[in-house]
Amino acid sequence: MVDMSHIAGLVAGGEYPSPFRYADVVTTTVHKTLRGPRAALIFSRKDERELDKKIDKAVFPGLQGGPHLNQIAAVAVALKEAASPAFKKYAKQIIRNAAVLAEELQKRGWRLVSGGTNSHLILVDTWMDGKGISGAEASSRLEKEGIIVNKNTIPFDMRKPFDPSGIRLGTAAETTRGKKEKDMRKIAKRIDEILRKK
């Protein structure tokens, strides 16, 4: 089973490996890199185990109420867009933007948990061995300046999940807004300025 909620748009755009050849069940949200409405999809392999029928029975009508046709239509539009050449360009730009944002943050002395990124996500250690600020404070400071990020735990985090040692950034929304690599350099500079401000 694979949940590809965060990377579904990158998979659809051909920028990330597809899990379908490996997994019997694949789940995803539609509203992240896939750029659709708040919704979810479950794909399952058809075979003698009848996973598809078991999933259908568990989900509907028990867990899911009646169908919301506006949501279904919006998912269909998102999937049609994901099959377009323009979407492939968007997925490629997400990756480029994330790479530049990650590199620029590192140049400014921020430790990235994985040393970089090969997707749209960047996990930044803002605590830096007790010398920095917590993820909650970093998230709050950035939000006050119009930059929305998630506070996030980091591996071996000694801080509590409600006030962790890191923040998570993504480039999908800014890429949708037409931002390119030069803009990521400006965003990294602005993030650094906000977080270093005393």
N, C-alpha and C. Protein backbone atom coordinates (compact mmCIF):
# COMPACT_ATOMS: atom_id res chain seq x y z
N MET A 1 0.85 -1.18 0.00
CA MET A 1 0.00 0.00 0.00
C MET A 1 0.89 1.23 0.00
N VAL A 2 0.57 2.20 -0.82
CA VAL A 2 1.31 3.45 -0.89
C VAL A 2 0.32 4.60 -0.79
N ASP A 3 0.64 5.56 0.07
CA ASP A 3 -0.12 6.82 0.08
C ASP A 3 0.76 7.85 -0.62
N MET A 4 0.30 8.33 -1.76
CA MET A 4 1.10 9.29 -2.53
C MET A 4 0.48 10.69 -2.51
N SER A 5 -0.21 11.01 -1.42
CA SER A 5 -0.91 12.29 -1.34
C SER A 5 -0.04 13.48 -1.69
N HIS A 6 1.15 13.55 -1.14
CA HIS A 6 2.00 14.71 -1.39
C HIS A 6 2.59 14.71 -2.79
N ILE A 7 2.84 13.56 -3.36
CA ILE A 7 3.57 13.51 -4.64
C ILE A 7 2.71 13.16 -5.84
N ALA A 8 1.40 13.06 -5.67
CA ALA A 8 0.53 12.61 -6.77
C ALA A 8 0.69 13.46 -8.03
N GLY A 9 0.79 14.77 -7.87
CA GLY A 9 0.97 15.63 -9.04
C GLY A 9 2.32 15.41 -9.71
N LEU A 10 3.33 15.10 -8.92
CA LEU A 10 4.65 14.83 -9.49
C LEU A 10 4.65 13.50 -10.23
N VAL A 11 3.90 12.53 -9.71
CA VAL A 11 3.75 11.24 -10.40
C VAL A 11 2.99 11.46 -11.71
N ALA A 12 1.87 12.18 -11.64
CA ALA A 12 1.06 12.43 -12.84
C ALA A 12 1.85 13.22 -13.88
N GLY A 13 2.72 14.12 -13.42
CA GLY A 13 3.51 14.93 -14.34
C GLY A 13 4.77 14.24 -14.84
N GLY A 14 4.99 13.00 -14.41
CA GLY A 14 6.14 12.24 -14.87
C GLY A 14 7.46 12.62 -14.21
N GLU A 15 7.41 13.35 -13.10
CA GLU A 15 8.62 13.79 -12.42
C GLU A 15 8.99 12.93 -11.21
N TYR A 16 8.14 11.97 -10.88
CA TYR A 16 8.39 11.11 -9.73
C TYR A 16 7.95 9.70 -10.12
N PRO A 17 8.64 8.68 -9.63
CA PRO A 17 8.27 7.31 -10.02
C PRO A 17 6.86 6.93 -9.57
N SER A 18 6.19 6.20 -10.40
CA SER A 18 4.83 5.76 -10.08
C SER A 18 4.86 4.56 -9.15
N PRO A 19 4.00 4.57 -8.13
CA PRO A 19 3.94 3.42 -7.21
C PRO A 19 3.04 2.29 -7.70
N PHE A 20 2.33 2.51 -8.79
CA PHE A 20 1.30 1.55 -9.20
C PHE A 20 1.84 0.17 -9.56
N ARG A 21 3.05 0.09 -10.06
CA ARG A 21 3.58 -1.23 -10.41
C ARG A 21 3.98 -2.04 -9.19
N TYR A 22 4.13 -1.37 -8.03
CA TYR A 22 4.59 -2.04 -6.81
C TYR A 22 3.48 -2.29 -5.79
N ALA A 23 2.48 -1.43 -5.75
CA ALA A 23 1.48 -1.47 -4.68
C ALA A 23 0.17 -2.09 -5.13
N ASP A 24 -0.45 -2.81 -4.22
CA ASP A 24 -1.78 -3.35 -4.47
C ASP A 24 -2.85 -2.29 -4.27
N VAL A 25 -2.57 -1.34 -3.37
CA VAL A 25 -3.49 -0.25 -3.08
C VAL A 25 -2.69 1.06 -3.08
N VAL A 26 -3.22 2.07 -3.76
CA VAL A 26 -2.61 3.40 -3.78
C VAL A 26 -3.69 4.40 -3.38
N THR A 27 -3.37 5.24 -2.39
CA THR A 27 -4.29 6.29 -1.97
C THR A 27 -3.65 7.65 -2.23
N THR A 28 -4.51 8.65 -2.40
CA THR A 28 -4.00 10.01 -2.58
C THR A 28 -5.09 11.02 -2.26
N THR A 29 -4.65 12.18 -1.82
CA THR A 29 -5.54 13.33 -1.80
C THR A 29 -5.45 13.95 -3.19
N VAL A 30 -6.34 14.87 -3.46
CA VAL A 30 -6.36 15.50 -4.78
C VAL A 30 -5.91 16.96 -4.69
N HIS A 31 -5.90 17.52 -3.48
CA HIS A 31 -5.71 18.97 -3.32
C HIS A 31 -4.26 19.42 -3.10
N LYS A 32 -3.30 18.53 -3.15
CA LYS A 32 -1.91 18.96 -2.94
C LYS A 32 -1.27 19.21 -4.31
N THR A 33 -0.24 18.48 -4.67
CA THR A 33 0.42 18.76 -5.95
C THR A 33 -0.46 18.44 -7.16
N LEU A 34 -1.53 17.70 -6.95
CA LEU A 34 -2.46 17.39 -8.05
C LEU A 34 -3.36 18.59 -8.38
N ARG A 35 -3.38 19.59 -7.52
CA ARG A 35 -4.10 20.86 -7.72
C ARG A 35 -5.60 20.73 -7.92
N GLY A 36 -6.22 19.81 -7.22
CA GLY A 36 -7.66 19.65 -7.35
C GLY A 36 -8.38 20.11 -6.10
N PRO A 37 -9.64 19.69 -5.95
CA PRO A 37 -10.43 20.06 -4.76
C PRO A 37 -10.03 19.20 -3.57
N ARG A 38 -10.55 19.52 -2.41
CA ARG A 38 -10.33 18.66 -1.25
C ARG A 38 -11.11 17.38 -1.48
N ALA A 39 -10.37 16.35 -1.76
CA ALA A 39 -10.98 15.05 -2.04
C ALA A 39 -9.89 14.00 -1.95
N ALA A 40 -10.27 12.75 -2.08
CA ALA A 40 -9.30 11.66 -2.03
C ALA A 40 -9.69 10.58 -3.02
N LEU A 41 -8.70 9.78 -3.40
CA LEU A 41 -8.92 8.67 -4.32
C LEU A 41 -8.26 7.42 -3.75
N ILE A 42 -8.88 6.28 -4.00
CA ILE A 42 -8.29 4.99 -3.65
C ILE A 42 -8.27 4.14 -4.91
N PHE A 43 -7.09 3.65 -5.26
CA PHE A 43 -6.93 2.75 -6.39
C PHE A 43 -6.56 1.38 -5.83
N SER A 44 -7.11 0.33 -6.42
CA SER A 44 -6.71 -1.00 -5.96
C SER A 44 -6.61 -1.95 -7.14
N ARG A 45 -5.73 -2.93 -6.97
CA ARG A 45 -5.52 -3.94 -7.99
C ARG A 45 -6.71 -4.90 -8.00
N LYS A 46 -7.17 -5.27 -9.18
CA LYS A 46 -8.24 -6.26 -9.29
C LYS A 46 -7.61 -7.64 -9.40
N ASP A 47 -7.87 -8.47 -8.42
CA ASP A 47 -7.36 -9.84 -8.46
C ASP A 47 -8.26 -10.72 -7.60
N GLU A 48 -7.83 -11.94 -7.37
CA GLU A 48 -8.67 -12.90 -6.65
C GLU A 48 -8.94 -12.51 -5.19
N ARG A 49 -8.14 -11.59 -4.64
CA ARG A 49 -8.38 -11.14 -3.26
C ARG A 49 -9.57 -10.20 -3.16
N GLU A 50 -9.99 -9.66 -4.29
CA GLU A 50 -11.12 -8.74 -4.37
C GLU A 50 -10.97 -7.54 -3.44
N LEU A 51 -9.76 -6.98 -3.42
CA LEU A 51 -9.51 -5.80 -2.59
C LEU A 51 -10.45 -4.66 -2.96
N ASP A 52 -10.71 -4.51 -4.26
CA ASP A 52 -11.57 -3.42 -4.71
C ASP A 52 -12.96 -3.51 -4.08
N LYS A 53 -13.51 -4.71 -4.03
CA LYS A 53 -14.84 -4.88 -3.45
C LYS A 53 -14.82 -4.66 -1.94
N LYS A 54 -13.76 -5.11 -1.28
CA LYS A 54 -13.64 -4.92 0.17
C LYS A 54 -13.50 -3.43 0.52
N ILE A 55 -12.73 -2.71 -0.27
CA ILE A 55 -12.56 -1.28 -0.03
C ILE A 55 -13.88 -0.55 -0.27
N ASP A 56 -14.53 -0.87 -1.40
CA ASP A 56 -15.82 -0.24 -1.71
C ASP A 56 -16.82 -0.46 -0.58
N LYS A 57 -16.88 -1.68 -0.07
CA LYS A 57 -17.83 -2.01 0.99
C LYS A 57 -17.51 -1.26 2.28
N ALA A 58 -16.23 -1.11 2.58
CA ALA A 58 -15.83 -0.40 3.79
C ALA A 58 -16.09 1.11 3.70
N VAL A 59 -15.91 1.66 2.50
CA VAL A 59 -16.02 3.10 2.34
C VAL A 59 -17.46 3.55 2.17
N PHE A 60 -18.19 2.90 1.30
CA PHE A 60 -19.54 3.38 0.98
C PHE A 60 -20.57 2.29 1.20
N PRO A 61 -21.63 2.52 1.90
CA PRO A 61 -22.07 3.81 2.43
C PRO A 61 -21.60 4.10 3.85
N GLY A 62 -20.87 3.18 4.47
CA GLY A 62 -20.50 3.31 5.87
C GLY A 62 -19.70 4.56 6.23
N LEU A 63 -18.49 4.68 5.71
CA LEU A 63 -17.63 5.81 6.08
C LEU A 63 -17.94 7.07 5.29
N GLN A 64 -18.38 6.91 4.07
CA GLN A 64 -18.66 8.06 3.21
C GLN A 64 -20.15 8.18 3.04
N GLY A 65 -20.65 9.38 3.14
CA GLY A 65 -22.08 9.60 2.92
C GLY A 65 -22.40 9.59 1.44
N GLY A 66 -23.46 10.27 1.09
CA GLY A 66 -23.87 10.33 -0.30
C GLY A 66 -22.85 11.05 -1.16
N PRO A 67 -22.86 10.77 -2.45
CA PRO A 67 -21.89 11.41 -3.35
C PRO A 67 -22.15 12.91 -3.48
N HIS A 68 -21.10 13.69 -3.51
CA HIS A 68 -21.19 15.12 -3.74
C HIS A 68 -20.74 15.33 -5.19
N LEU A 69 -21.70 15.52 -6.06
CA LEU A 69 -21.40 15.56 -7.49
C LEU A 69 -20.49 16.71 -7.88
N ASN A 70 -20.56 17.82 -7.14
CA ASN A 70 -19.64 18.93 -7.44
C ASN A 70 -18.19 18.52 -7.16
N GLN A 71 -17.96 17.74 -6.10
CA GLN A 71 -16.61 17.28 -5.80
C GLN A 71 -16.13 16.29 -6.86
N ILE A 72 -17.01 15.40 -7.26
CA ILE A 72 -16.66 14.41 -8.28
C ILE A 72 -16.29 15.11 -9.59
N ALA A 73 -17.08 16.12 -9.97
CA ALA A 73 -16.80 16.88 -11.19
C ALA A 73 -15.45 17.61 -11.08
N ALA A 74 -15.17 18.18 -9.91
CA ALA A 74 -13.92 18.90 -9.71
C ALA A 74 -12.72 17.96 -9.77
N VAL A 75 -12.87 16.75 -9.23
CA VAL A 75 -11.79 15.75 -9.32
C VAL A 75 -11.55 15.39 -10.78
N ALA A 76 -12.64 15.21 -11.54
CA ALA A 76 -12.51 14.88 -12.97
C ALA A 76 -11.76 15.98 -13.72
N VAL A 77 -12.05 17.24 -13.42
CA VAL A 77 -11.36 18.36 -14.06
C VAL A 77 -9.87 18.34 -13.70
N ALA A 78 -9.57 18.11 -12.42
CA ALA A 78 -8.17 18.07 -11.98
C ALA A 78 -7.41 16.95 -12.68
N LEU A 79 -8.03 15.79 -12.81
CA LEU A 79 -7.37 14.67 -13.48
C LEU A 79 -7.18 14.93 -14.97
N LYS A 80 -8.15 15.60 -15.58
CA LYS A 80 -7.98 15.96 -17.00
C LYS A 80 -6.81 16.93 -17.16
N GLU A 81 -6.71 17.91 -16.27
CA GLU A 81 -5.60 18.86 -16.32
C GLU A 81 -4.26 18.14 -16.11
N ALA A 82 -4.26 17.16 -15.22
CA ALA A 82 -3.02 16.43 -14.91
C ALA A 82 -2.51 15.63 -16.11
N ALA A 83 -3.37 15.38 -17.08
CA ALA A 83 -2.96 14.64 -18.28
C ALA A 83 -2.45 15.57 -19.39
N SER A 84 -2.41 16.86 -19.13
CA SER A 84 -2.04 17.82 -20.18
C SER A 84 -0.54 18.10 -20.20
N PRO A 85 -0.03 18.55 -21.36
CA PRO A 85 1.39 18.94 -21.44
C PRO A 85 1.73 20.10 -20.49
N ALA A 86 0.79 21.01 -20.28
CA ALA A 86 1.02 22.14 -19.38
C ALA A 86 1.26 21.65 -17.95
N PHE A 87 0.56 20.60 -17.56
CA PHE A 87 0.73 20.05 -16.21
C PHE A 87 2.13 19.44 -16.06
N LYS A 88 2.61 18.81 -17.11
CA LYS A 88 3.97 18.24 -17.07
C LYS A 88 5.01 19.34 -16.84
N LYS A 89 4.81 20.49 -17.50
CA LYS A 89 5.71 21.63 -17.30
C LYS A 89 5.63 22.13 -15.86
N TYR A 90 4.42 22.18 -15.33
CA TYR A 90 4.20 22.60 -13.95
C TYR A 90 4.93 21.67 -12.98
N ALA A 91 4.81 20.36 -13.17
CA ALA A 91 5.47 19.39 -12.29
C ALA A 91 6.98 19.54 -12.35
N LYS A 92 7.50 19.74 -13.54
CA LYS A 92 8.96 19.92 -13.71
C LYS A 92 9.42 21.20 -13.00
N GLN A 93 8.62 22.26 -13.10
CA GLN A 93 8.98 23.54 -12.46
C GLN A 93 8.92 23.44 -10.94
N ILE A 94 7.99 22.66 -10.42
CA ILE A 94 7.92 22.45 -8.96
C ILE A 94 9.26 21.92 -8.46
N ILE A 95 9.78 20.91 -9.14
CA ILE A 95 11.04 20.28 -8.74
C ILE A 95 12.20 21.29 -8.85
N ARG A 96 12.25 22.03 -9.94
CA ARG A 96 13.30 23.04 -10.11
C ARG A 96 13.23 24.08 -9.00
N ASN A 97 12.02 24.55 -8.73
CA ASN A 97 11.84 25.57 -7.71
C ASN A 97 12.28 25.06 -6.34
N ALA A 98 11.91 23.84 -6.01
CA ALA A 98 12.28 23.28 -4.70
C ALA A 98 13.79 23.15 -4.58
N ALA A 99 14.44 22.72 -5.64
CA ALA A 99 15.90 22.56 -5.61
C ALA A 99 16.58 23.89 -5.35
N VAL A 100 16.12 24.94 -6.01
CA VAL A 100 16.72 26.27 -5.82
C VAL A 100 16.41 26.81 -4.43
N LEU A 101 15.18 26.66 -3.98
CA LEU A 101 14.82 27.13 -2.63
C LEU A 101 15.67 26.43 -1.57
N ALA A 102 15.82 25.12 -1.72
CA ALA A 102 16.63 24.34 -0.77
C ALA A 102 18.08 24.82 -0.78
N GLU A 103 18.62 24.98 -1.96
CA GLU A 103 20.02 25.41 -2.09
C GLU A 103 20.24 26.79 -1.48
N GLU A 104 19.31 27.69 -1.74
CA GLU A 104 19.44 29.05 -1.22
C GLU A 104 19.32 29.08 0.31
N LEU A 105 18.45 28.28 0.87
CA LEU A 105 18.34 28.22 2.33
C LEU A 105 19.62 27.66 2.94
N GLN A 106 20.18 26.64 2.31
CA GLN A 106 21.45 26.08 2.80
C GLN A 106 22.58 27.10 2.73
N LYS A 107 22.63 27.87 1.66
CA LYS A 107 23.66 28.91 1.54
C LYS A 107 23.59 29.90 2.69
N ARG A 108 22.38 30.09 3.21
CA ARG A 108 22.17 31.04 4.30
C ARG A 108 22.33 30.39 5.68
N GLY A 109 22.78 29.14 5.68
CA GLY A 109 23.10 28.49 6.94
C GLY A 109 22.01 27.63 7.57
N TRP A 110 20.91 27.42 6.87
CA TRP A 110 19.84 26.59 7.41
C TRP A 110 20.11 25.13 7.08
N ARG A 111 19.97 24.28 8.09
CA ARG A 111 20.20 22.84 7.90
C ARG A 111 18.94 22.19 7.37
N LEU A 112 19.04 21.55 6.21
CA LEU A 112 17.94 20.78 5.66
C LEU A 112 18.11 19.35 6.13
N VAL A 113 17.04 18.78 6.65
CA VAL A 113 17.13 17.47 7.29
C VAL A 113 17.69 16.41 6.36
N SER A 114 17.29 16.42 5.11
CA SER A 114 17.77 15.40 4.17
C SER A 114 18.97 15.88 3.36
N GLY A 115 19.45 17.06 3.65
CA GLY A 115 20.58 17.61 2.91
C GLY A 115 20.18 18.25 1.59
N GLY A 116 18.91 18.25 1.27
CA GLY A 116 18.40 18.82 0.03
C GLY A 116 17.00 18.28 -0.22
N THR A 117 16.59 18.22 -1.47
CA THR A 117 15.28 17.67 -1.80
C THR A 117 15.29 17.12 -3.22
N ASN A 118 14.47 16.11 -3.46
CA ASN A 118 14.24 15.63 -4.83
C ASN A 118 12.75 15.64 -5.14
N SER A 119 11.99 16.35 -4.30
CA SER A 119 10.56 16.51 -4.53
C SER A 119 10.22 17.99 -4.35
N HIS A 120 9.00 18.26 -3.97
CA HIS A 120 8.57 19.64 -3.75
C HIS A 120 8.71 20.06 -2.29
N LEU A 121 9.08 19.13 -1.42
CA LEU A 121 9.12 19.39 0.01
C LEU A 121 10.54 19.63 0.53
N ILE A 122 10.62 20.52 1.50
CA ILE A 122 11.89 20.85 2.15
C ILE A 122 11.62 20.87 3.65
N LEU A 123 12.39 20.09 4.40
CA LEU A 123 12.26 20.06 5.86
C LEU A 123 13.47 20.78 6.45
N VAL A 124 13.21 21.91 7.11
CA VAL A 124 14.27 22.78 7.63
C VAL A 124 14.34 22.65 9.15
N ASP A 125 15.54 22.43 9.65
CA ASP A 125 15.78 22.42 11.10
C ASP A 125 15.96 23.88 11.52
N THR A 126 14.97 24.44 12.21
CA THR A 126 15.07 25.83 12.66
C THR A 126 15.65 25.93 14.06
N TRP A 127 15.71 24.81 14.75
CA TRP A 127 16.19 24.81 16.13
C TRP A 127 17.72 24.79 16.19
N MET A 128 18.34 24.09 15.26
CA MET A 128 19.79 24.03 15.11
C MET A 128 20.51 23.83 16.45
N ASP A 129 20.31 22.67 17.05
CA ASP A 129 20.98 22.32 18.29
C ASP A 129 20.74 23.32 19.42
N GLY A 130 19.53 23.85 19.49
CA GLY A 130 19.18 24.76 20.59
C GLY A 130 19.56 26.21 20.37
N LYS A 131 20.11 26.54 19.20
CA LYS A 131 20.55 27.92 18.95
C LYS A 131 19.51 28.73 18.17
N GLY A 132 18.53 28.07 17.61
CA GLY A 132 17.58 28.76 16.74
C GLY A 132 16.24 29.01 17.39
N ILE A 133 15.20 28.87 16.60
CA ILE A 133 13.84 29.06 17.10
C ILE A 133 13.04 27.79 16.83
N SER A 134 11.98 27.61 17.58
CA SER A 134 11.17 26.41 17.40
C SER A 134 10.40 26.49 16.09
N GLY A 135 9.93 25.33 15.65
CA GLY A 135 9.13 25.28 14.43
C GLY A 135 7.83 26.06 14.54
N ALA A 136 7.22 26.02 15.73
CA ALA A 136 5.97 26.75 15.94
C ALA A 136 6.20 28.26 15.84
N GLU A 137 7.28 28.74 16.47
CA GLU A 137 7.59 30.17 16.41
C GLU A 137 7.97 30.57 14.98
N ALA A 138 8.76 29.74 14.31
CA ALA A 138 9.15 30.03 12.93
C ALA A 138 7.92 30.11 12.03
N SER A 139 7.03 29.15 12.18
CA SER A 139 5.80 29.13 11.38
C SER A 139 4.97 30.39 11.64
N SER A 140 4.85 30.76 12.90
CA SER A 140 4.06 31.94 13.28
C SER A 140 4.68 33.22 12.72
N ARG A 141 5.99 33.36 12.85
CA ARG A 141 6.68 34.56 12.31
C ARG A 141 6.48 34.68 10.81
N LEU A 142 6.66 33.56 10.12
CA LEU A 142 6.52 33.59 8.66
C LEU A 142 5.08 33.90 8.24
N GLU A 143 4.11 33.31 8.95
CA GLU A 143 2.70 33.55 8.60
C GLU A 143 2.35 35.03 8.76
N LYS A 144 2.86 35.68 9.79
CA LYS A 144 2.59 37.11 9.99
C LYS A 144 3.11 37.94 8.83
N GLU A 145 4.09 37.41 8.10
CA GLU A 145 4.67 38.10 6.95
C GLU A 145 4.14 37.57 5.62
N GLY A 146 3.10 36.72 5.68
CA GLY A 146 2.46 36.24 4.46
C GLY A 146 3.08 34.99 3.84
N ILE A 147 3.93 34.30 4.59
CA ILE A 147 4.54 33.06 4.10
C ILE A 147 4.00 31.92 4.95
N ILE A 148 3.25 31.02 4.33
CA ILE A 148 2.61 29.94 5.07
C ILE A 148 3.45 28.67 4.95
N VAL A 149 3.85 28.12 6.10
CA VAL A 149 4.60 26.87 6.17
C VAL A 149 3.98 26.03 7.28
N ASN A 150 4.41 24.78 7.39
CA ASN A 150 3.97 23.91 8.47
C ASN A 150 5.08 23.78 9.50
N LYS A 151 4.73 23.88 10.78
CA LYS A 151 5.70 23.45 11.79
C LYS A 151 5.81 21.95 11.64
N ASN A 152 6.96 21.38 11.88
CA ASN A 152 7.15 19.96 11.60
C ASN A 152 8.23 19.36 12.50
N THR A 153 7.99 18.14 12.95
CA THR A 153 9.03 17.45 13.69
C THR A 153 10.14 17.05 12.72
N ILE A 154 11.32 16.86 13.28
CA ILE A 154 12.45 16.37 12.49
C ILE A 154 12.90 15.05 13.10
N PRO A 155 13.66 14.25 12.38
CA PRO A 155 14.13 12.98 12.96
C PRO A 155 14.86 13.20 14.29
N PHE A 156 14.54 12.35 15.26
CA PHE A 156 15.12 12.40 16.61
C PHE A 156 14.83 13.71 17.32
N ASP A 157 13.71 14.31 17.00
CA ASP A 157 13.32 15.59 17.60
C ASP A 157 13.14 15.44 19.10
N MET A 158 13.76 16.29 19.87
CA MET A 158 13.63 16.28 21.32
C MET A 158 12.49 17.20 21.78
N ARG A 159 11.97 17.98 20.86
CA ARG A 159 10.88 18.89 21.20
C ARG A 159 9.54 18.20 20.95
N LYS A 160 8.48 18.76 21.52
CA LYS A 160 7.14 18.17 21.39
C LYS A 160 6.55 18.47 20.01
N PRO A 161 5.67 17.58 19.49
CA PRO A 161 5.07 17.79 18.16
C PRO A 161 4.31 19.12 18.01
N PHE A 162 3.75 19.65 19.11
CA PHE A 162 3.05 20.93 19.00
C PHE A 162 4.00 22.12 18.93
N ASP A 163 5.25 21.89 19.27
CA ASP A 163 6.27 22.93 19.18
C ASP A 163 7.60 22.26 18.78
N PRO A 164 7.66 21.74 17.55
CA PRO A 164 8.79 20.93 17.11
C PRO A 164 10.01 21.77 16.73
N SER A 165 11.01 21.10 16.19
CA SER A 165 12.28 21.74 15.85
C SER A 165 12.40 22.15 14.39
N GLY A 166 11.35 22.01 13.61
CA GLY A 166 11.50 22.33 12.19
C GLY A 166 10.25 22.88 11.55
N ILE A 167 10.43 23.24 10.29
CA ILE A 167 9.31 23.67 9.44
C ILE A 167 9.41 22.93 8.12
N ARG A 168 8.25 22.75 7.48
CA ARG A 168 8.19 22.10 6.17
C ARG A 168 7.68 23.10 5.16
N LEU A 169 8.42 23.23 4.07
CA LEU A 169 8.03 24.13 2.99
C LEU A 169 7.76 23.32 1.73
N GLY A 170 6.89 23.82 0.89
CA GLY A 170 6.63 23.19 -0.40
C GLY A 170 6.56 24.25 -1.48
N THR A 171 6.78 23.85 -2.72
CA THR A 171 6.82 24.82 -3.82
C THR A 171 5.64 24.72 -4.78
N ALA A 172 4.69 23.84 -4.53
CA ALA A 172 3.59 23.65 -5.49
C ALA A 172 2.72 24.90 -5.64
N ALA A 173 2.33 25.52 -4.54
CA ALA A 173 1.42 26.67 -4.62
C ALA A 173 2.09 27.84 -5.33
N GLU A 174 3.33 28.14 -4.97
CA GLU A 174 4.03 29.26 -5.62
C GLU A 174 4.31 28.96 -7.09
N THR A 175 4.52 27.70 -7.42
CA THR A 175 4.72 27.33 -8.83
C THR A 175 3.42 27.55 -9.60
N THR A 176 2.30 27.19 -9.00
CA THR A 176 0.99 27.42 -9.63
C THR A 176 0.79 28.91 -9.90
N ARG A 177 1.32 29.74 -9.03
CA ARG A 177 1.19 31.19 -9.19
C ARG A 177 2.18 31.75 -10.20
N GLY A 178 2.97 30.87 -10.84
CA GLY A 178 3.87 31.31 -11.91
C GLY A 178 5.28 31.61 -11.47
N LYS A 179 5.62 31.29 -10.22
CA LYS A 179 6.97 31.59 -9.72
C LYS A 179 7.99 30.66 -10.34
N LYS A 180 9.20 31.22 -10.56
CA LYS A 180 10.32 30.48 -11.17
C LYS A 180 11.51 30.52 -10.21
N GLU A 181 12.65 30.03 -10.69
CA GLU A 181 13.84 29.92 -9.86
C GLU A 181 14.27 31.27 -9.26
N LYS A 182 14.23 32.34 -10.04
CA LYS A 182 14.64 33.66 -9.53
C LYS A 182 13.76 34.08 -8.35
N ASP A 183 12.50 33.70 -8.41
CA ASP A 183 11.58 34.03 -7.31
C ASP A 183 11.90 33.22 -6.05
N MET A 184 12.35 31.98 -6.24
CA MET A 184 12.71 31.14 -5.10
C MET A 184 13.89 31.74 -4.35
N ARG A 185 14.82 32.37 -5.07
CA ARG A 185 15.96 33.03 -4.42
C ARG A 185 15.47 34.17 -3.53
N LYS A 186 14.49 34.92 -4.02
CA LYS A 186 13.92 36.02 -3.24
C LYS A 186 13.16 35.49 -2.02
N ILE A 187 12.43 34.40 -2.22
CA ILE A 187 11.68 33.81 -1.11
C ILE A 187 12.62 33.29 -0.03
N ALA A 188 13.70 32.62 -0.43
CA ALA A 188 14.67 32.12 0.54
C ALA A 188 15.28 33.28 1.33
N LYS A 189 15.61 34.36 0.64
CA LYS A 189 16.19 35.54 1.30
C LYS A 189 15.20 36.11 2.30
N ARG A 190 13.93 36.19 1.90
CA ARG A 190 12.90 36.74 2.80
C ARG A 190 12.69 35.84 4.01
N ILE A 191 12.64 34.53 3.81
CA ILE A 191 12.48 33.59 4.92
C ILE A 191 13.64 33.76 5.90
N ASP A 192 14.84 33.83 5.38
CA ASP A 192 16.03 33.99 6.22
C ASP A 192 15.95 35.29 7.02
N GLU A 193 15.57 36.38 6.38
CA GLU A 193 15.46 37.67 7.08
C GLU A 193 14.44 37.62 8.22
N ILE A 194 13.30 37.02 7.94
CA ILE A 194 12.23 36.94 8.95
C ILE A 194 12.67 36.08 10.13
N LEU A 195 13.27 34.93 9.85
CA LEU A 195 13.63 34.02 10.93
C LEU A 195 14.84 34.48 11.75
N ARG A 196 15.70 35.28 11.16
CA ARG A 196 16.88 35.75 11.89
C ARG A 196 16.62 37.06 12.65
N LYS A 197 15.49 37.68 12.37
CA LYS A 197 15.15 38.94 13.02
C LYS A 197 14.95 38.73 14.51
N LYS A 198 15.57 39.50 15.33
CA LYS A 198 15.45 39.38 16.79
C LYS A 198 14.28 40.15 17.32
